[in-house]
Amino acid sequence: MSELANVASQMGAIHKLDLTSDVTHLIVGDADTPKYKFVAKERPDVKCLLPTWIEALRELWMEGGEPDVRALESQYTLPALHNLRICVTGFDDMAYRKKLEDLVHINGGEYRANLTKDVTHLIAKEASGAKYKYAIDWNIKIVAVEWLAESLERGMILDEKLYSLFTPPAERGRDAWIRRTVSNSSLGKRMFDGDAALGGPRKLRRVASTKLSSQNVGLWTNIVSGDIPAEKPNRDQWSEQPAARESSMQGTSSTNVRSEGTSSDGPSRSSATTVRTPVPPQVAAPSPKMGIFAGKRLYLHGFNEKKSAVLHKHLLSHDAEILLDLLSFTPSTTSSSDNEFFLVPHDMPMDQIPSLPDSIHPPVVATDMWIERNLHQKQYIRPEANVTNTPFQRFPIPGFERLAVCSTKFEGVDLLHMSKAVKLMGATYDEDFTPKASVLQTGSGIL
């Protein structure tokens, strides 16, 4: 299980030893454990999956694809009766017995017509018969048929002790499964930190983008200021009820204007009229851009619509400026800038990268792998820092088709990029070190 945890962590998942409230998936090797039993009873929000789910994701991840997580979860969901061997007794109706047999088979269990010592469960109609007696002697779990029905409804193995033949039928299964309504929105939020869906089915991102979160907040806040004089309101054509008028006076300044011909010393039939002058709202200064790509200007070339949308989402969420045409780059008549980039797919041949106009300063040519590396490490890294950040000058390389390359001491985005580079050069990549391997590549070089 530790190996599976390492693989999941490489792909950006968070592995936890304890079944805490924020756990979203439980990888099950054995159902007879406290964690499994607790999820079966208390946690309908947790998805129980086969260990092979991790391997399936890894294979697609290594190929550089965007696996449909929902579809893979459905494909690798732990069957309700996984690894169970079930026998029945006391049911004389053969059609009914056949129905029980079919239910066991289609839900991952193994149906046994004969009771043997390796049977895990005996479904009995009543507490009698030869199978029943042998099951007691062999410590085989004996349950009423309601256990099968409700376990299939729950999708997990429920507590067998609550389905005893000696329990009245109306009481069987009481509190075996606490039914709760699962919120899809809260599950999605916990499962993929920050948005992970990019339209359509929820997608798995690579490590580079799994832990992204968009921190955009509102940049403008209206602040209304001004002291309100505590004077008694007059009733005139503008008058409102006192409470309402007091509320409407917030955010205004007051100017007292005397009526014509009124002495300040004597009484007047017309009191001072309050004329309100609205105070213009003040706005907070925009928050400074602090994202990984703040101040960086990029032009994207050669990406399909789907990949382009993914890149736009990540780049904009980290404060990059995306240019819509080449002439938006710094003109050649001004000082050059090292913050401008021409972004191309890592597998684009050099002869397909277009020549840039003479009227602009040549931007730095970088690949989508450079973006992934920056996002994965959560900091800005210059393109020249790694060979996969910029286009390969030549591929495939003649003679590489005869090489079988395996690796060690690579993990995360480094492992992903190294495997892609090996394949791009024309060699065969294999995770396992076998006699067929001709090159062992390590994190510090090639041996």
Protein backbone atom coordinates (compact mmCIF):
# COMPACT_ATOMS: atom_id res chain seq x y z
CA MET A 1 0.00 0.00 0.00
CA SER A 2 2.95 2.34 0.61
CA GLU A 3 3.90 2.02 -3.07
CA LEU A 4 0.37 3.02 -4.09
CA ALA A 5 0.53 5.97 -1.72
CA ASN A 6 3.80 7.11 -3.32
CA VAL A 7 2.33 6.84 -6.81
CA ALA A 8 -0.79 8.77 -5.79
CA SER A 9 1.34 11.48 -4.18
CA GLN A 10 3.42 11.83 -7.34
CA MET A 11 0.22 12.59 -9.25
CA GLY A 12 -0.78 15.26 -6.75
CA ALA A 13 -3.09 13.39 -4.37
CA ILE A 14 -2.87 13.80 -0.60
CA HIS A 15 -2.33 10.50 1.19
CA LYS A 16 -3.64 10.18 4.73
CA LEU A 17 -3.11 7.33 7.16
CA ASP A 18 -6.22 8.25 9.15
CA LEU A 19 -9.78 8.32 7.87
CA THR A 20 -10.41 12.02 8.51
CA SER A 21 -13.46 14.04 7.50
CA ASP A 22 -11.77 15.41 4.36
CA VAL A 23 -10.89 12.00 2.90
CA THR A 24 -12.64 11.49 -0.44
CA HIS A 25 -11.38 8.06 -1.61
CA LEU A 26 -10.60 4.81 0.18
CA ILE A 27 -8.40 2.28 -1.63
CA VAL A 28 -9.51 -1.13 -0.38
CA GLY A 29 -7.35 -4.23 -0.28
CA ASP A 30 -9.33 -5.98 2.47
CA ALA A 31 -12.93 -5.26 3.47
CA ASP A 32 -12.54 -6.74 6.95
CA THR A 33 -10.99 -3.58 8.43
CA PRO A 34 -12.26 -0.85 10.77
CA LYS A 35 -11.89 1.84 8.07
CA TYR A 36 -13.98 -0.08 5.56
CA LYS A 37 -16.67 -0.85 8.13
CA PHE A 38 -16.83 2.76 9.27
CA VAL A 39 -17.22 4.02 5.68
CA ALA A 40 -19.90 1.41 5.01
CA LYS A 41 -21.94 2.66 7.95
CA GLU A 42 -21.11 6.35 8.30
CA ARG A 43 -19.49 7.79 5.14
CA PRO A 44 -21.53 7.51 1.92
CA ASP A 45 -19.47 10.45 0.60
CA VAL A 46 -16.27 8.36 0.43
CA LYS A 47 -15.66 6.42 -2.77
CA CYS A 48 -14.26 2.91 -2.27
CA LEU A 49 -12.01 1.87 -5.13
CA LEU A 50 -9.83 -1.02 -6.21
CA PRO A 51 -6.03 -0.56 -5.92
CA THR A 52 -5.82 -0.93 -9.70
CA TRP A 53 -7.51 2.48 -10.01
CA ILE A 54 -4.22 4.12 -9.01
CA GLU A 55 -2.29 2.12 -11.59
CA ALA A 56 -4.79 2.94 -14.33
CA LEU A 57 -4.51 6.64 -13.57
CA ARG A 58 -0.73 6.42 -13.52
CA GLU A 59 -0.58 4.80 -16.94
CA LEU A 60 -2.70 7.53 -18.50
CA TRP A 61 -0.84 10.22 -16.57
CA MET A 62 2.51 8.93 -17.85
CA GLU A 63 1.14 9.10 -21.39
CA GLY A 64 0.40 12.79 -20.83
CA GLY A 65 -3.35 12.46 -21.22
CA GLU A 66 -6.18 14.00 -19.21
CA PRO A 67 -8.05 10.96 -17.82
CA ASP A 68 -11.77 11.22 -17.18
CA VAL A 69 -11.75 10.65 -13.43
CA ARG A 70 -15.49 10.02 -13.15
CA ALA A 71 -15.35 7.29 -15.78
CA LEU A 72 -12.32 5.67 -14.14
CA GLU A 73 -13.96 5.82 -10.71
CA SER A 74 -16.97 4.01 -12.14
CA GLN A 75 -14.76 1.44 -13.84
CA TYR A 76 -12.69 0.71 -10.72
CA THR A 77 -15.34 1.05 -8.01
CA LEU A 78 -14.98 -1.71 -5.45
CA PRO A 79 -17.76 -4.25 -6.13
CA ALA A 80 -20.19 -4.63 -3.24
CA LEU A 81 -19.33 -8.31 -2.70
CA HIS A 82 -15.66 -8.13 -3.67
CA ASN A 83 -13.67 -11.24 -2.61
CA LEU A 84 -16.68 -12.87 -0.91
CA ARG A 85 -17.51 -16.54 -1.40
CA ILE A 86 -21.20 -17.06 -0.71
CA CYS A 87 -23.31 -20.15 -0.23
CA VAL A 88 -27.06 -20.35 0.44
CA THR A 89 -29.27 -22.83 2.29
CA GLY A 90 -32.97 -23.35 3.02
CA PHE A 91 -34.36 -21.79 -0.16
CA ASP A 92 -36.37 -24.41 -2.00
CA ASP A 93 -37.57 -22.22 -4.85
CA MET A 94 -34.94 -22.87 -7.54
CA ALA A 95 -35.81 -19.72 -9.46
CA TYR A 96 -35.22 -17.71 -6.29
CA ARG A 97 -31.91 -19.48 -5.67
CA LYS A 98 -30.87 -18.69 -9.24
CA LYS A 99 -31.69 -15.04 -8.64
CA LEU A 100 -29.49 -15.02 -5.53
CA GLU A 101 -26.70 -16.68 -7.48
CA ASP A 102 -26.90 -14.07 -10.25
CA LEU A 103 -26.86 -11.21 -7.73
CA VAL A 104 -23.72 -12.59 -6.13
CA HIS A 105 -21.95 -12.95 -9.47
CA ILE A 106 -22.75 -9.54 -10.93
CA ASN A 107 -21.71 -7.78 -7.71
CA GLY A 108 -18.22 -9.19 -7.52
CA GLY A 109 -18.80 -12.22 -5.33
CA GLU A 110 -18.26 -15.92 -5.97
CA TYR A 111 -21.28 -18.21 -5.61
CA ARG A 112 -20.65 -21.65 -4.12
CA ALA A 113 -23.25 -24.36 -4.45
CA ASN A 114 -21.46 -26.46 -1.84
CA LEU A 115 -20.33 -25.28 1.57
CA THR A 116 -16.56 -25.53 1.98
CA LYS A 117 -14.24 -24.13 4.64
CA ASP A 118 -13.17 -21.21 2.45
CA VAL A 119 -16.74 -19.90 2.08
CA THR A 120 -17.01 -16.49 3.75
CA HIS A 121 -20.81 -16.18 4.12
CA LEU A 122 -23.76 -18.53 4.36
CA ILE A 123 -27.12 -16.95 3.56
CA ALA A 124 -29.67 -19.06 5.41
CA LYS A 125 -33.46 -18.99 5.47
CA GLU A 126 -33.62 -20.53 8.90
CA ALA A 127 -31.30 -21.74 11.66
CA SER A 128 -31.27 -25.40 10.73
CA GLY A 129 -29.83 -27.88 8.27
CA ALA A 130 -26.46 -29.50 7.62
CA LYS A 131 -24.88 -26.42 6.01
CA TYR A 132 -25.96 -24.30 8.94
CA LYS A 133 -24.34 -26.67 11.46
CA TYR A 134 -21.09 -26.92 9.52
CA ALA A 135 -20.96 -23.14 9.10
CA ILE A 136 -21.07 -22.80 12.88
CA ASP A 137 -18.27 -25.35 13.30
CA TRP A 138 -16.12 -23.64 10.67
CA ASN A 139 -16.76 -20.09 11.94
CA ILE A 140 -18.39 -19.04 8.69
CA LYS A 141 -20.53 -15.91 8.93
CA ILE A 142 -24.23 -16.76 8.84
CA VAL A 143 -26.68 -14.06 7.73
CA ALA A 144 -30.31 -13.61 6.78
CA VAL A 145 -31.15 -12.77 3.18
CA GLU A 146 -31.84 -9.14 4.14
CA TRP A 147 -28.08 -8.73 4.54
CA LEU A 148 -27.57 -9.39 0.84
CA ALA A 149 -30.33 -7.02 -0.26
CA GLU A 150 -29.19 -4.11 1.91
CA SER A 151 -25.49 -4.62 1.23
CA LEU A 152 -26.22 -4.36 -2.47
CA GLU A 153 -28.33 -1.26 -1.87
CA ARG A 154 -25.48 0.33 0.09
CA GLY A 155 -22.85 -0.95 -2.35
CA MET A 156 -20.70 -2.23 0.50
CA ILE A 157 -20.60 -5.13 2.95
CA LEU A 158 -22.74 -4.26 5.97
CA ASP A 159 -22.25 -5.52 9.52
CA GLU A 160 -23.25 -9.18 9.51
CA LYS A 161 -24.07 -9.21 13.24
CA LEU A 162 -27.09 -7.01 12.56
CA TYR A 163 -28.63 -9.61 10.25
CA SER A 164 -28.81 -12.59 12.60
CA LEU A 165 -31.45 -15.23 11.97
CA PHE A 166 -32.46 -14.81 15.61
CA THR A 167 -33.31 -11.15 15.10
CA PRO A 168 -36.96 -10.48 14.15
CA PRO A 169 -37.19 -9.68 10.43
CA ALA A 170 -38.50 -6.18 11.12
CA GLU A 171 -35.43 -5.43 13.26
CA ARG A 172 -32.78 -6.85 10.96
CA GLY A 173 -30.29 -4.30 9.72
CA ARG A 174 -31.37 -1.56 12.10
CA ASP A 175 -28.65 1.13 12.16
CA ALA A 176 -26.45 -0.91 9.83
CA TRP A 177 -26.30 1.96 7.39
CA ILE A 178 -26.85 5.61 8.23
CA ARG A 179 -28.34 7.12 5.11
CA ARG A 180 -27.23 10.65 4.33
CA THR A 181 -27.64 12.94 1.36
CA VAL A 182 -24.27 13.52 -0.27
CA SER A 183 -23.56 17.00 -1.63
CA ASN A 184 -21.89 16.73 -5.01
CA SER A 185 -20.55 20.25 -4.77
CA SER A 186 -18.77 19.67 -1.49
CA LEU A 187 -17.33 16.42 -2.74
CA GLY A 188 -16.01 18.05 -5.89
CA LYS A 189 -14.42 20.80 -3.86
CA ARG A 190 -12.63 18.39 -1.56
CA MET A 191 -11.56 16.03 -4.29
CA PHE A 192 -9.90 18.56 -6.61
CA ASP A 193 -8.39 21.45 -4.81
CA GLY A 194 -9.65 24.60 -6.40
CA ASP A 195 -11.67 23.91 -9.56
CA ALA A 196 -10.29 21.26 -11.28
CA ALA A 197 -13.01 20.82 -13.84
CA LEU A 198 -12.22 22.50 -17.08
CA GLY A 199 -15.60 21.86 -18.70
CA GLY A 200 -17.32 18.53 -19.31
CA PRO A 201 -16.49 15.62 -17.00
CA ARG A 202 -14.19 16.37 -14.14
CA LYS A 203 -10.62 15.83 -15.26
CA LEU A 204 -7.51 14.67 -13.49
CA ARG A 205 -4.66 17.11 -13.81
CA ARG A 206 -1.05 16.29 -13.56
CA VAL A 207 0.96 17.24 -10.50
CA ALA A 208 1.70 20.52 -12.20
CA SER A 209 -1.92 21.56 -12.01
CA THR A 210 -3.57 19.37 -9.39
CA LYS A 211 -2.84 21.73 -6.52
CA LEU A 212 -3.66 24.94 -8.31
CA SER A 213 -6.17 27.31 -6.77
CA SER A 214 -7.46 30.55 -8.26
CA GLN A 215 -7.09 33.35 -5.72
CA ASN A 216 -8.87 36.08 -7.71
CA VAL A 217 -10.81 38.38 -5.42
CA GLY A 218 -12.85 41.51 -6.04
CA LEU A 219 -10.56 44.44 -6.73
CA TRP A 220 -12.99 47.26 -6.11
CA THR A 221 -14.71 48.11 -2.83
CA ASN A 222 -17.00 51.13 -2.36
CA ILE A 223 -16.30 52.97 0.88
CA VAL A 224 -18.82 55.69 1.79
CA SER A 225 -17.63 58.26 4.27
CA GLY A 226 -18.93 61.49 5.81
CA ASP A 227 -20.15 62.68 9.21
CA ILE A 228 -23.89 63.10 9.58
CA PRO A 229 -25.05 66.07 11.71
CA ALA A 230 -27.32 65.00 14.51
CA GLU A 231 -30.14 67.37 13.74
CA LYS A 232 -33.83 66.88 13.91
CA PRO A 233 -35.25 66.34 10.42
CA ASN A 234 -37.85 68.74 9.02
CA ARG A 235 -41.03 67.67 7.32
CA ASP A 236 -41.09 69.19 3.85
CA GLN A 237 -41.66 67.92 0.36
CA TRP A 238 -38.46 65.82 0.72
CA SER A 239 -39.40 64.53 4.12
CA GLU A 240 -39.40 60.80 4.93
CA GLN A 241 -40.22 58.92 8.05
CA PRO A 242 -37.47 59.69 10.60
CA ALA A 243 -36.01 56.17 10.61
CA ALA A 244 -35.98 55.90 6.85
CA ARG A 245 -34.50 59.38 6.46
CA GLU A 246 -31.74 58.64 8.92
CA SER A 247 -30.85 55.58 6.89
CA SER A 248 -30.85 57.49 3.59
CA MET A 249 -28.56 60.17 5.01
CA GLN A 250 -25.66 57.70 5.34
CA GLY A 251 -22.92 58.58 2.90
CA THR A 252 -24.03 62.24 2.35
CA SER A 253 -22.83 65.60 3.63
CA SER A 254 -25.30 68.27 4.86
CA THR A 255 -25.34 72.00 4.12
CA ASN A 256 -27.78 74.22 6.06
CA VAL A 257 -29.32 76.97 3.93
CA ARG A 258 -31.60 79.62 5.50
CA SER A 259 -34.79 80.59 3.75
CA GLU A 260 -34.96 84.09 2.24
CA GLY A 261 -35.92 86.83 4.67
CA THR A 262 -35.39 84.74 7.76
CA SER A 263 -33.52 86.20 10.69
CA SER A 264 -31.09 84.07 12.50
CA ASP A 265 -32.25 85.66 15.78
CA GLY A 266 -36.00 85.28 15.56
CA PRO A 267 -38.51 82.60 14.97
CA SER A 268 -39.31 81.63 11.42
CA ARG A 269 -42.11 79.69 9.82
CA SER A 270 -39.53 78.15 7.58
CA SER A 271 -36.70 76.32 9.30
CA ALA A 272 -33.30 75.53 7.87
CA THR A 273 -33.47 73.20 4.91
CA THR A 274 -30.90 70.41 4.72
CA VAL A 275 -29.48 70.04 1.24
CA ARG A 276 -27.58 66.79 0.80
CA THR A 277 -24.52 66.72 -1.41
CA PRO A 278 -23.56 63.14 -2.30
CA VAL A 279 -20.00 62.23 -1.44
CA PRO A 280 -18.39 60.34 -4.33
CA PRO A 281 -17.52 56.79 -3.36
CA GLN A 282 -13.90 55.97 -2.79
CA VAL A 283 -12.39 52.84 -4.28
CA ALA A 284 -9.56 50.75 -3.00
CA ALA A 285 -6.45 50.52 -5.14
CA PRO A 286 -6.20 47.31 -7.19
CA SER A 287 -4.43 44.46 -5.44
CA PRO A 288 -0.89 43.96 -6.76
CA LYS A 289 -0.45 40.99 -9.07
CA MET A 290 1.55 38.36 -7.21
CA GLY A 291 0.99 35.24 -9.34
CA ILE A 292 3.76 33.04 -10.69
CA PHE A 293 3.53 34.67 -14.14
CA ALA A 294 2.91 38.25 -12.99
CA GLY A 295 4.53 40.64 -15.47
CA LYS A 296 5.00 37.87 -18.07
CA ARG A 297 3.53 38.24 -21.56
CA LEU A 298 2.86 35.09 -23.60
CA TYR A 299 1.69 34.25 -27.09
CA LEU A 300 0.37 30.67 -27.59
CA HIS A 301 0.98 28.89 -30.88
CA GLY A 302 0.14 25.40 -32.17
CA PHE A 303 -2.18 24.17 -29.38
CA ASN A 304 -5.54 22.58 -30.03
CA GLU A 305 -8.66 24.17 -28.62
CA LYS A 306 -8.77 21.97 -25.52
CA LYS A 307 -5.10 22.43 -24.56
CA SER A 308 -5.30 26.13 -25.31
CA ALA A 309 -8.26 26.49 -22.91
CA VAL A 310 -6.35 24.67 -20.18
CA LEU A 311 -3.30 26.89 -20.63
CA HIS A 312 -5.40 30.06 -20.67
CA LYS A 313 -7.06 29.05 -17.41
CA HIS A 314 -3.80 28.35 -15.59
CA LEU A 315 -1.89 31.32 -16.97
CA LEU A 316 -4.61 33.87 -16.27
CA SER A 317 -5.16 32.52 -12.76
CA HIS A 318 -1.48 33.25 -12.11
CA ASP A 319 -1.55 36.79 -13.50
CA ALA A 320 0.01 36.21 -16.93
CA GLU A 321 -0.86 38.46 -19.85
CA ILE A 322 -1.85 36.48 -22.95
CA LEU A 323 -1.21 38.22 -26.27
CA LEU A 324 -3.62 37.79 -29.15
CA ASP A 325 -1.22 38.66 -31.97
CA LEU A 326 2.52 38.74 -32.54
CA LEU A 327 2.64 42.49 -33.05
CA SER A 328 1.71 42.92 -29.39
CA PHE A 329 5.28 41.97 -28.48
CA THR A 330 7.72 44.77 -27.69
CA PRO A 331 8.70 46.63 -30.88
CA SER A 332 12.29 46.21 -32.01
CA THR A 333 12.77 49.97 -31.83
CA THR A 334 12.57 49.89 -28.02
CA SER A 335 14.52 48.09 -25.32
CA SER A 336 14.11 44.32 -25.34
CA SER A 337 12.24 42.50 -22.59
CA ASP A 338 13.06 39.11 -21.08
CA ASN A 339 9.48 38.77 -19.86
CA GLU A 340 7.96 37.89 -23.24
CA PHE A 341 7.48 34.29 -24.39
CA PHE A 342 6.39 32.43 -27.50
CA LEU A 343 4.78 29.22 -26.17
CA VAL A 344 4.63 26.06 -28.31
CA PRO A 345 3.83 22.37 -27.70
CA HIS A 346 6.83 20.33 -26.53
CA ASP A 347 6.43 17.95 -29.48
CA MET A 348 6.37 20.62 -32.18
CA PRO A 349 9.23 20.19 -34.67
CA MET A 350 11.49 23.23 -35.03
CA ASP A 351 10.62 23.61 -38.73
CA GLN A 352 6.98 24.16 -37.76
CA ILE A 353 7.77 27.04 -35.41
CA PRO A 354 7.11 30.16 -37.51
CA SER A 355 9.60 32.93 -38.08
CA LEU A 356 8.77 36.02 -36.10
CA PRO A 357 8.40 39.51 -37.60
CA ASP A 358 11.49 41.72 -37.70
CA SER A 359 9.43 44.53 -36.18
CA ILE A 360 9.43 42.90 -32.72
CA HIS A 361 12.10 41.86 -30.27
CA PRO A 362 12.42 38.05 -30.46
CA PRO A 363 10.61 36.57 -27.43
CA VAL A 364 11.90 33.51 -25.55
CA VAL A 365 10.55 30.32 -27.14
CA ALA A 366 9.30 27.91 -24.43
CA THR A 367 7.17 24.79 -24.24
CA ASP A 368 4.08 23.74 -22.31
CA MET A 369 6.38 21.62 -20.11
CA TRP A 370 7.86 24.89 -18.84
CA ILE A 371 4.41 26.00 -17.71
CA GLU A 372 3.84 22.65 -15.99
CA ARG A 373 7.15 22.88 -14.15
CA ASN A 374 6.42 26.40 -12.88
CA LEU A 375 2.98 25.40 -11.66
CA HIS A 376 4.27 22.23 -10.04
CA GLN A 377 7.01 24.04 -8.11
CA LYS A 378 4.75 27.04 -7.41
CA GLN A 379 7.44 29.53 -8.37
CA TYR A 380 8.82 31.18 -11.48
CA ILE A 381 11.62 29.23 -13.18
CA ARG A 382 13.46 30.57 -16.18
CA PRO A 383 13.09 28.46 -19.36
CA GLU A 384 16.82 27.74 -19.65
CA ALA A 385 16.80 26.00 -16.25
CA ASN A 386 15.71 22.67 -17.76
CA VAL A 387 16.11 21.11 -21.18
CA THR A 388 12.41 20.22 -21.47
CA ASN A 389 11.40 23.86 -20.96
CA THR A 390 12.45 24.78 -24.50
CA PRO A 391 11.86 22.99 -27.84
CA PHE A 392 14.14 20.12 -28.80
CA GLN A 393 16.36 21.02 -31.73
CA ARG A 394 16.00 17.59 -33.29
CA PHE A 395 13.80 14.54 -32.84
CA PRO A 396 13.61 11.64 -33.23
CA ILE A 397 17.34 10.98 -33.00
CA PRO A 398 18.63 8.27 -35.37
CA GLY A 399 19.65 5.14 -33.45
CA PHE A 400 17.49 5.90 -30.42
CA GLU A 401 14.83 3.47 -31.66
CA ARG A 402 17.14 0.65 -30.50
CA LEU A 403 17.36 1.97 -26.93
CA ALA A 404 15.23 0.85 -23.99
CA VAL A 405 15.46 3.44 -21.21
CA CYS A 406 14.40 2.98 -17.61
CA SER A 407 14.76 5.48 -14.77
CA THR A 408 15.36 5.87 -11.08
CA LYS A 409 15.22 8.79 -8.61
CA PHE A 410 12.70 10.68 -10.72
CA GLU A 411 9.33 11.67 -9.33
CA GLY A 412 6.45 14.03 -9.97
CA VAL A 413 6.73 16.34 -12.95
CA ASP A 414 10.38 15.33 -13.51
CA LEU A 415 9.34 11.72 -14.08
CA LEU A 416 6.56 12.77 -16.42
CA HIS A 417 8.75 15.05 -18.50
CA MET A 418 11.66 12.61 -18.63
CA SER A 419 9.43 9.80 -19.94
CA LYS A 420 7.94 12.11 -22.59
CA ALA A 421 11.39 13.27 -23.67
CA VAL A 422 12.65 9.69 -24.03
CA LYS A 423 9.71 8.77 -26.25
CA LEU A 424 10.08 11.97 -28.25
CA MET A 425 13.70 11.09 -28.98
CA GLY A 426 12.51 7.77 -30.42
CA ALA A 427 13.55 5.42 -27.60
CA THR A 428 11.34 3.06 -25.60
CA TYR A 429 10.64 3.97 -21.98
CA ASP A 430 10.03 1.34 -19.30
CA GLU A 431 9.52 2.05 -15.62
CA ASP A 432 10.89 -1.35 -14.61
CA PHE A 433 14.56 -2.25 -14.78
CA THR A 434 14.61 -5.43 -16.85
CA PRO A 435 17.30 -7.30 -18.80
CA LYS A 436 16.01 -5.55 -21.93
CA ALA A 437 17.02 -2.14 -20.57
CA SER A 438 19.98 -0.57 -22.37
CA VAL A 439 20.09 2.74 -20.47
CA LEU A 440 19.40 3.52 -16.82
CA GLN A 441 18.68 7.20 -16.35
CA THR A 442 18.97 8.68 -12.87
CA GLY A 443 17.98 11.99 -11.41
CA SER A 444 21.60 13.13 -11.66
CA GLY A 445 22.38 11.92 -15.17
CA ILE A 446 22.70 8.79 -17.30
CA LEU A 447 24.68 5.80 -16.08
